[in-house]
PDB file of all heavy atoms in Angstrom:
ATOM      1  N   GLN A   1       0.922  -1.250  -0.003  1.00  0.00           N
ATOM      2  CA  GLN A   1       0.023   0.023   0.051  1.00  0.00           C
ATOM      3  C   GLN A   1       0.824   1.264   0.061  1.00  0.00           C
ATOM      4  O   GLN A   1       0.412   2.382  -0.337  1.00  0.00           O
ATOM      5  CB  GLN A   1      -0.861  -0.001   1.313  1.00  0.00           C
ATOM      6  CG  GLN A   1      -0.410   0.170   2.617  1.00  0.00           C
ATOM      7  CD  GLN A   1       0.219  -1.130   3.171  1.00  0.00           C
ATOM      8  OE1 GLN A   1       0.371  -2.187   2.469  1.00  0.00           O
ATOM      9  NE2 GLN A   1       0.179  -1.237   4.484  1.00  0.00           N
ATOM     10  N   HIS A   2       2.070   1.107   0.338  1.00  0.00           N
ATOM     11  CA  HIS A   2       3.027   2.327   0.393  1.00  0.00           C
ATOM     12  C   HIS A   2       3.867   2.305  -1.002  1.00  0.00           C
ATOM     13  O   HIS A   2       4.745   3.174  -1.076  1.00  0.00           O
ATOM     14  CB  HIS A   2       3.895   2.257   1.508  1.00  0.00           C
ATOM     15  CG  HIS A   2       3.366   2.476   2.814  1.00  0.00           C
ATOM     16  ND1 HIS A   2       2.898   3.572   3.265  1.00  0.00           N
ATOM     17  CD2 HIS A   2       3.159   1.561   3.855  1.00  0.00           C
ATOM     18  CE1 HIS A   2       2.278   3.572   4.520  1.00  0.00           C
ATOM     19  NE2 HIS A   2       2.495   2.382   4.884  1.00  0.00           N
ATOM     20  N   CYS A   3       3.603   1.354  -1.840  1.00  0.00           N
ATOM     21  CA  CYS A   3       4.389   1.185  -3.032  1.00  0.00           C
ATOM     22  C   CYS A   3       3.588   1.134  -4.251  1.00  0.00           C
ATOM     23  O   CYS A   3       3.928   0.445  -5.297  1.00  0.00           O
ATOM     24  CB  CYS A   3       5.138  -0.112  -3.000  1.00  0.00           C
ATOM     25  SG  CYS A   3       6.073  -0.189  -1.487  1.00  0.00           S
ATOM     26  N   ALA A   4       2.375   1.875  -4.404  1.00  0.00           N
ATOM     27  CA  ALA A   4       1.560   1.878  -5.511  1.00  0.00           C
ATOM     28  C   ALA A   4       0.925   0.476  -5.804  1.00  0.00           C
ATOM     29  O   ALA A   4       0.554   0.249  -7.020  1.00  0.00           O
ATOM     30  CB  ALA A   4       2.314   2.400  -6.685  1.00  0.00           C
ATOM     31  N   GLY A   5       0.872  -0.394  -4.788  1.00  0.00           N
ATOM     32  CA  GLY A   5       0.151  -1.668  -5.074  1.00  0.00           C
ATOM     33  C   GLY A   5       1.114  -2.740  -5.425  1.00  0.00           C
ATOM     34  O   GLY A   5       2.233  -2.607  -5.706  1.00  0.00           O
ATOM     35  N   ILE A   6       0.596  -4.074  -5.348  1.00  0.00           N
ATOM     36  CA  ILE A   6       1.349  -5.265  -5.573  1.00  0.00           C
ATOM     37  C   ILE A   6       1.796  -5.319  -6.992  1.00  0.00           C
ATOM     38  O   ILE A   6       2.837  -5.937  -7.159  1.00  0.00           O
ATOM     39  CB  ILE A   6       0.500  -6.475  -5.103  1.00  0.00           C
ATOM     40  CG1 ILE A   6       1.359  -7.628  -4.847  1.00  0.00           C
ATOM     41  CG2 ILE A   6      -0.575  -6.844  -6.167  1.00  0.00           C
ATOM     42  CD1 ILE A   6       2.138  -7.547  -3.597  1.00  0.00           C
ATOM     43  N   ASN A   7       1.082  -4.817  -8.010  1.00  0.00           N
ATOM     44  CA  ASN A   7       1.599  -4.855  -9.367  1.00  0.00           C
ATOM     45  C   ASN A   7       2.945  -4.135  -9.454  1.00  0.00           C
ATOM     46  O   ASN A   7       3.940  -4.558 -10.250  1.00  0.00           O
ATOM     47  CB  ASN A   7       0.580  -4.348 -10.328  1.00  0.00           C
ATOM     48  CG  ASN A   7      -0.509  -5.375 -10.533  1.00  0.00           C
ATOM     49  OD1 ASN A   7      -0.308  -6.524 -10.572  1.00  0.00           O
ATOM     50  ND2 ASN A   7      -1.714  -4.916 -10.816  1.00  0.00           N
ATOM     51  N   HIS A   8       3.023  -2.939  -8.835  1.00  0.00           N
ATOM     52  CA  HIS A   8       4.281  -2.147  -8.977  1.00  0.00           C
ATOM     53  C   HIS A   8       5.300  -2.841  -8.046  1.00  0.00           C
ATOM     54  O   HIS A   8       6.501  -2.819  -8.595  1.00  0.00           O
ATOM     55  CB  HIS A   8       3.982  -0.794  -8.324  1.00  0.00           C
ATOM     56  CG  HIS A   8       5.133   0.193  -8.665  1.00  0.00           C
ATOM     57  ND1 HIS A   8       5.549   0.470  -9.915  1.00  0.00           N
ATOM     58  CD2 HIS A   8       5.847   1.027  -7.767  1.00  0.00           C
ATOM     59  CE1 HIS A   8       6.516   1.368  -9.927  1.00  0.00           C
ATOM     60  NE2 HIS A   8       6.754   1.731  -8.561  1.00  0.00           N
ATOM     61  N   VAL A   9       4.930  -3.524  -7.015  1.00  0.00           N
ATOM     62  CA  VAL A   9       5.950  -4.340  -6.304  1.00  0.00           C
ATOM     63  C   VAL A   9       6.595  -5.373  -7.163  1.00  0.00           C
ATOM     64  O   VAL A   9       7.788  -5.585  -7.195  1.00  0.00           O
ATOM     65  CB  VAL A   9       5.321  -4.888  -5.074  1.00  0.00           C
ATOM     66  CG1 VAL A   9       6.147  -5.975  -4.499  1.00  0.00           C
ATOM     67  CG2 VAL A   9       5.005  -3.795  -4.046  1.00  0.00           C
ATOM     68  N   ALA A  10       5.767  -6.084  -7.982  1.00  0.00           N
ATOM     69  CA  ALA A  10       6.244  -7.210  -8.891  1.00  0.00           C
ATOM     70  C   ALA A  10       7.063  -6.582  -9.871  1.00  0.00           C
ATOM     71  O   ALA A  10       8.137  -7.238 -10.237  1.00  0.00           O
ATOM     72  CB  ALA A  10       5.016  -7.797  -9.521  1.00  0.00           C
ATOM     73  N   THR A  11       6.783  -5.375 -10.451  1.00  0.00           N
ATOM     74  CA  THR A  11       7.601  -4.876 -11.340  1.00  0.00           C
ATOM     75  C   THR A  11       9.023  -4.504 -10.783  1.00  0.00           C
ATOM     76  O   THR A  11      10.092  -4.759 -11.471  1.00  0.00           O
ATOM     77  CB  THR A  11       7.051  -3.606 -11.983  1.00  0.00           C
ATOM     78  OG1 THR A  11       5.725  -4.021 -12.397  1.00  0.00           O
ATOM     79  CG2 THR A  11       7.806  -2.975 -13.004  1.00  0.00           C
ATOM     80  N   ILE A  12       9.074  -3.976  -9.660  1.00  0.00           N
ATOM     81  CA  ILE A  12      10.383  -3.720  -8.971  1.00  0.00           C
ATOM     82  C   ILE A  12      11.096  -4.928  -8.678  1.00  0.00           C
ATOM     83  O   ILE A  12      12.340  -4.950  -8.852  1.00  0.00           O
ATOM     84  CB  ILE A  12      10.098  -2.834  -7.625  1.00  0.00           C
ATOM     85  CG1 ILE A  12       9.511  -1.419  -7.984  1.00  0.00           C
ATOM     86  CG2 ILE A  12      11.419  -2.703  -6.875  1.00  0.00           C
ATOM     87  CD1 ILE A  12       9.065  -0.702  -6.757  1.00  0.00           C
ATOM     88  N   LEU A  13      10.412  -5.995  -8.229  1.00  0.00           N
ATOM     89  CA  LEU A  13      11.145  -7.229  -7.920  1.00  0.00           C
ATOM     90  C   LEU A  13      11.796  -7.800  -9.098  1.00  0.00           C
ATOM     91  O   LEU A  13      12.870  -8.530  -9.077  1.00  0.00           O
ATOM     92  CB  LEU A  13      10.145  -8.273  -7.304  1.00  0.00           C
ATOM     93  CG  LEU A  13       9.810  -7.953  -5.783  1.00  0.00           C
ATOM     94  CD1 LEU A  13       8.671  -8.926  -5.453  1.00  0.00           C
ATOM     95  CD2 LEU A  13      10.893  -8.128  -4.923  1.00  0.00           C
ATOM     96  N   SER A  14      11.198  -7.559 -10.295  1.00  0.00           N
ATOM     97  CA  SER A  14      11.740  -8.145 -11.484  1.00  0.00           C
ATOM     98  C   SER A  14      13.262  -7.571 -11.740  1.00  0.00           C
ATOM     99  O   SER A  14      13.936  -8.284 -12.378  1.00  0.00           O
ATOM    100  CB  SER A  14      10.928  -7.796 -12.812  1.00  0.00           C
ATOM    101  OG  SER A  14      10.916  -6.414 -13.104  1.00  0.00           O
ATOM    102  N   ASP A  15      13.503  -6.380 -11.234  1.00  0.00           N
ATOM    103  CA  ASP A  15      14.919  -5.831 -11.247  1.00  0.00           C
ATOM    104  C   ASP A  15      15.686  -6.162 -10.096  1.00  0.00           C
ATOM    105  O   ASP A  15      16.854  -6.323 -10.105  1.00  0.00           O
ATOM    106  CB  ASP A  15      14.803  -4.374 -11.452  1.00  0.00           C
ATOM    107  CG  ASP A  15      14.382  -4.004 -12.863  1.00  0.00           C
ATOM    108  OD1 ASP A  15      14.573  -4.834 -13.783  1.00  0.00           O
ATOM    109  OD2 ASP A  15      13.901  -2.967 -13.043  1.00  0.00           O
ATOM    110  N   LEU A  16      15.037  -6.130  -8.836  1.00  0.00           N
ATOM    111  CA  LEU A  16      15.657  -6.297  -7.529  1.00  0.00           C
ATOM    112  C   LEU A  16      16.215  -7.697  -7.409  1.00  0.00           C
ATOM    113  O   LEU A  16      17.143  -7.943  -6.698  1.00  0.00           O
ATOM    114  CB  LEU A  16      14.834  -5.914  -6.438  1.00  0.00           C
ATOM    115  CG  LEU A  16      15.340  -5.884  -5.084  1.00  0.00           C
ATOM    116  CD1 LEU A  16      16.454  -4.830  -5.018  1.00  0.00           C
ATOM    117  CD2 LEU A  16      14.276  -5.575  -4.019  1.00  0.00           C
ATOM    118  N   VAL A  17      15.520  -8.648  -8.087  1.00  0.00           N
ATOM    119  CA  VAL A  17      15.742 -10.123  -7.801  1.00  0.00           C
ATOM    120  C   VAL A  17      17.187 -10.549  -8.027  1.00  0.00           C
ATOM    121  O   VAL A  17      17.826 -11.392  -7.286  1.00  0.00           O
ATOM    122  CB  VAL A  17      14.690 -11.038  -8.689  1.00  0.00           C
ATOM    123  CG1 VAL A  17      15.058 -10.877 -10.114  1.00  0.00           C
ATOM    124  CG2 VAL A  17      14.905 -12.407  -8.257  1.00  0.00           C
ATOM    125  N   GLU A  18      17.889  -9.956  -9.022  1.00  0.00           N
ATOM    126  CA  GLU A  18      19.289 -10.195  -9.309  1.00  0.00           C
ATOM    127  C   GLU A  18      20.235  -9.882  -8.060  1.00  0.00           C
ATOM    128  O   GLU A  18      21.435 -10.416  -8.065  1.00  0.00           O
ATOM    129  CB  GLU A  18      19.783  -9.575 -10.450  1.00  0.00           C
ATOM    130  CG  GLU A  18      19.770  -8.079 -10.562  1.00  0.00           C
ATOM    131  CD  GLU A  18      20.055  -7.567 -11.881  1.00  0.00           C
ATOM    132  OE1 GLU A  18      19.570  -7.996 -12.884  1.00  0.00           O
ATOM    133  OE2 GLU A  18      20.829  -6.547 -11.923  1.00  0.00           O
ATOM    134  N   LYS A  19      19.723  -9.154  -7.126  1.00  0.00           N
ATOM    135  CA  LYS A  19      20.682  -8.695  -6.078  1.00  0.00           C
ATOM    136  C   LYS A  19      20.279  -9.467  -4.846  1.00  0.00           C
ATOM    137  O   LYS A  19      20.882  -9.221  -3.760  1.00  0.00           O
ATOM    138  CB  LYS A  19      20.575  -7.149  -5.779  1.00  0.00           C
ATOM    139  CG  LYS A  19      21.206  -6.422  -7.017  1.00  0.00           C
ATOM    140  CD  LYS A  19      21.248  -4.994  -6.769  1.00  0.00           C
ATOM    141  CE  LYS A  19      21.969  -4.215  -7.867  1.00  0.00           C
ATOM    142  NZ  LYS A  19      22.124  -2.761  -7.629  1.00  0.00           N
ATOM    143  N   ILE A  20      19.247 -10.293  -4.802  1.00  0.00           N
ATOM    144  CA  ILE A  20      18.778 -10.931  -3.669  1.00  0.00           C
ATOM    145  C   ILE A  20      19.448 -12.384  -3.530  1.00  0.00           C
ATOM    146  O   ILE A  20      19.567 -13.071  -4.507  1.00  0.00           O
ATOM    147  CB  ILE A  20      17.289 -11.130  -3.644  1.00  0.00           C
ATOM    148  CG1 ILE A  20      16.536  -9.840  -3.715  1.00  0.00           C
ATOM    149  CG2 ILE A  20      16.786 -12.082  -2.524  1.00  0.00           C
ATOM    150  CD1 ILE A  20      15.070  -9.956  -3.956  1.00  0.00           C
ATOM    151  N   ILE A  21      19.944 -12.501  -2.364  1.00  0.00           N
ATOM    152  CA  ILE A  21      20.593 -13.774  -2.014  1.00  0.00           C
ATOM    153  C   ILE A  21      19.524 -14.724  -1.143  1.00  0.00           C
ATOM    154  O   ILE A  21      19.093 -14.271  -0.144  1.00  0.00           O
ATOM    155  CB  ILE A  21      21.965 -13.621  -1.170  1.00  0.00           C
ATOM    156  CG1 ILE A  21      22.816 -12.874  -2.032  1.00  0.00           C
ATOM    157  CG2 ILE A  21      22.478 -15.094  -0.806  1.00  0.00           C
ATOM    158  CD1 ILE A  21      24.119 -12.415  -1.201  1.00  0.00           C
ATOM    159  N   PRO A  22      19.080 -15.840  -1.677  1.00  0.00           N
ATOM    160  CA  PRO A  22      17.967 -16.662  -1.081  1.00  0.00           C
ATOM    161  C   PRO A  22      18.312 -16.987   0.418  1.00  0.00           C
ATOM    162  O   PRO A  22      17.462 -16.964   1.201  1.00  0.00           O
ATOM    163  CB  PRO A  22      17.983 -17.985  -1.994  1.00  0.00           C
ATOM    164  CG  PRO A  22      18.528 -17.449  -3.334  1.00  0.00           C
ATOM    165  CD  PRO A  22      19.554 -16.412  -3.013  1.00  0.00           C
ATOM    166  N   GLU A  23      19.582 -17.310   0.735  1.00  0.00           N
ATOM    167  CA  GLU A  23      19.968 -17.721   2.054  1.00  0.00           C
ATOM    168  C   GLU A  23      19.638 -16.563   3.047  1.00  0.00           C
ATOM    169  O   GLU A  23      19.278 -16.752   4.219  1.00  0.00           O
ATOM    170  CB  GLU A  23      21.382 -18.355   2.158  1.00  0.00           C
ATOM    171  CG  GLU A  23      21.653 -19.592   1.464  1.00  0.00           C
ATOM    172  CD  GLU A  23      21.608 -19.430  -0.034  1.00  0.00           C
ATOM    173  OE1 GLU A  23      21.743 -18.390  -0.560  1.00  0.00           O
ATOM    174  OE2 GLU A  23      21.456 -20.505  -0.749  1.00  0.00           O
ATOM    175  N   LYS A  24      19.876 -15.355   2.587  1.00  0.00           N
ATOM    176  CA  LYS A  24      19.681 -14.142   3.382  1.00  0.00           C
ATOM    177  C   LYS A  24      18.230 -13.881   3.557  1.00  0.00           C
ATOM    178  O   LYS A  24      17.835 -13.462   4.676  1.00  0.00           O
ATOM    179  CB  LYS A  24      20.394 -13.038   2.872  1.00  0.00           C
ATOM    180  CG  LYS A  24      21.948 -12.993   2.933  1.00  0.00           C
ATOM    181  CD  LYS A  24      22.580 -11.749   2.414  1.00  0.00           C
ATOM    182  CE  LYS A  24      24.139 -11.807   2.531  1.00  0.00           C
ATOM    183  NZ  LYS A  24      24.732 -10.651   2.074  1.00  0.00           N
ATOM    184  N   LEU A  25      17.426 -14.170   2.560  1.00  0.00           N
ATOM    185  CA  LEU A  25      15.964 -14.242   2.683  1.00  0.00           C
ATOM    186  C   LEU A  25      15.490 -14.981   3.955  1.00  0.00           C
ATOM    187  O   LEU A  25      14.684 -14.655   4.753  1.00  0.00           O
ATOM    188  CB  LEU A  25      15.302 -14.486   1.615  1.00  0.00           C
ATOM    189  CG  LEU A  25      15.128 -13.566   0.404  1.00  0.00           C
ATOM    190  CD1 LEU A  25      14.407 -14.205  -0.765  1.00  0.00           C
ATOM    191  CD2 LEU A  25      14.257 -12.339   0.896  1.00  0.00           C
ATOM    192  N   LEU A  26      15.983 -16.223   3.962  1.00  0.00           N
ATOM    193  CA  LEU A  26      15.491 -17.178   4.952  1.00  0.00           C
ATOM    194  C   LEU A  26      16.001 -16.817   6.287  1.00  0.00           C
ATOM    195  O   LEU A  26      15.238 -17.134   7.233  1.00  0.00           O
ATOM    196  CB  LEU A  26      15.984 -18.591   4.491  1.00  0.00           C
ATOM    197  CG  LEU A  26      15.528 -19.157   3.216  1.00  0.00           C
ATOM    198  CD1 LEU A  26      15.966 -20.592   2.984  1.00  0.00           C
ATOM    199  CD2 LEU A  26      14.081 -18.983   2.974  1.00  0.00           C
ATOM    200  N   LYS A  27      17.051 -16.245   6.458  1.00  0.00           N
ATOM    201  CA  LYS A  27      17.439 -15.716   7.779  1.00  0.00           C
ATOM    202  C   LYS A  27      16.582 -14.643   8.320  1.00  0.00           C
ATOM    203  O   LYS A  27      16.435 -14.463   9.594  1.00  0.00           O
ATOM    204  CB  LYS A  27      18.939 -15.269   7.666  1.00  0.00           C
ATOM    205  CG  LYS A  27      19.980 -16.366   7.539  1.00  0.00           C
ATOM    206  CD  LYS A  27      21.359 -15.744   7.505  1.00  0.00           C
ATOM    207  CE  LYS A  27      22.325 -16.927   7.317  1.00  0.00           C
ATOM    208  NZ  LYS A  27      23.880 -16.325   7.277  1.00  0.00           N
ATOM    209  N   LEU A  28      15.921 -13.914   7.432  1.00  0.00           N
ATOM    210  CA  LEU A  28      15.161 -12.912   7.836  1.00  0.00           C
ATOM    211  C   LEU A  28      13.776 -13.476   8.516  1.00  0.00           C
ATOM    212  O   LEU A  28      13.188 -12.830   9.364  1.00  0.00           O
ATOM    213  CB  LEU A  28      14.646 -12.012   6.619  1.00  0.00           C
ATOM    214  CG  LEU A  28      15.574 -11.042   6.000  1.00  0.00           C
ATOM    215  CD1 LEU A  28      14.951 -10.312   4.896  1.00  0.00           C
ATOM    216  CD2 LEU A  28      16.031 -10.030   7.105  1.00  0.00           C
ATOM    217  N   VAL A  29      13.389 -14.679   8.010  1.00  0.00           N
ATOM    218  CA  VAL A  29      12.286 -15.311   8.675  1.00  0.00           C
ATOM    219  C   VAL A  29      12.578 -15.577  10.244  1.00  0.00           C
ATOM    220  O   VAL A  29      11.701 -15.449  11.081  1.00  0.00           O
ATOM    221  CB  VAL A  29      11.912 -16.664   7.998  1.00  0.00           C
ATOM    222  CG1 VAL A  29      10.844 -17.299   8.692  1.00  0.00           C
ATOM    223  CG2 VAL A  29      11.587 -16.432   6.582  1.00  0.00           C
TER     224      VAL A  29
END
């Protein structure tokens, strides 16, 4: 809701994903 909706989020993730390390994601949980 702070990012113009989930569609805009998906669009940003399409570019951000290459910088995300999966193992670091799981540590966030």
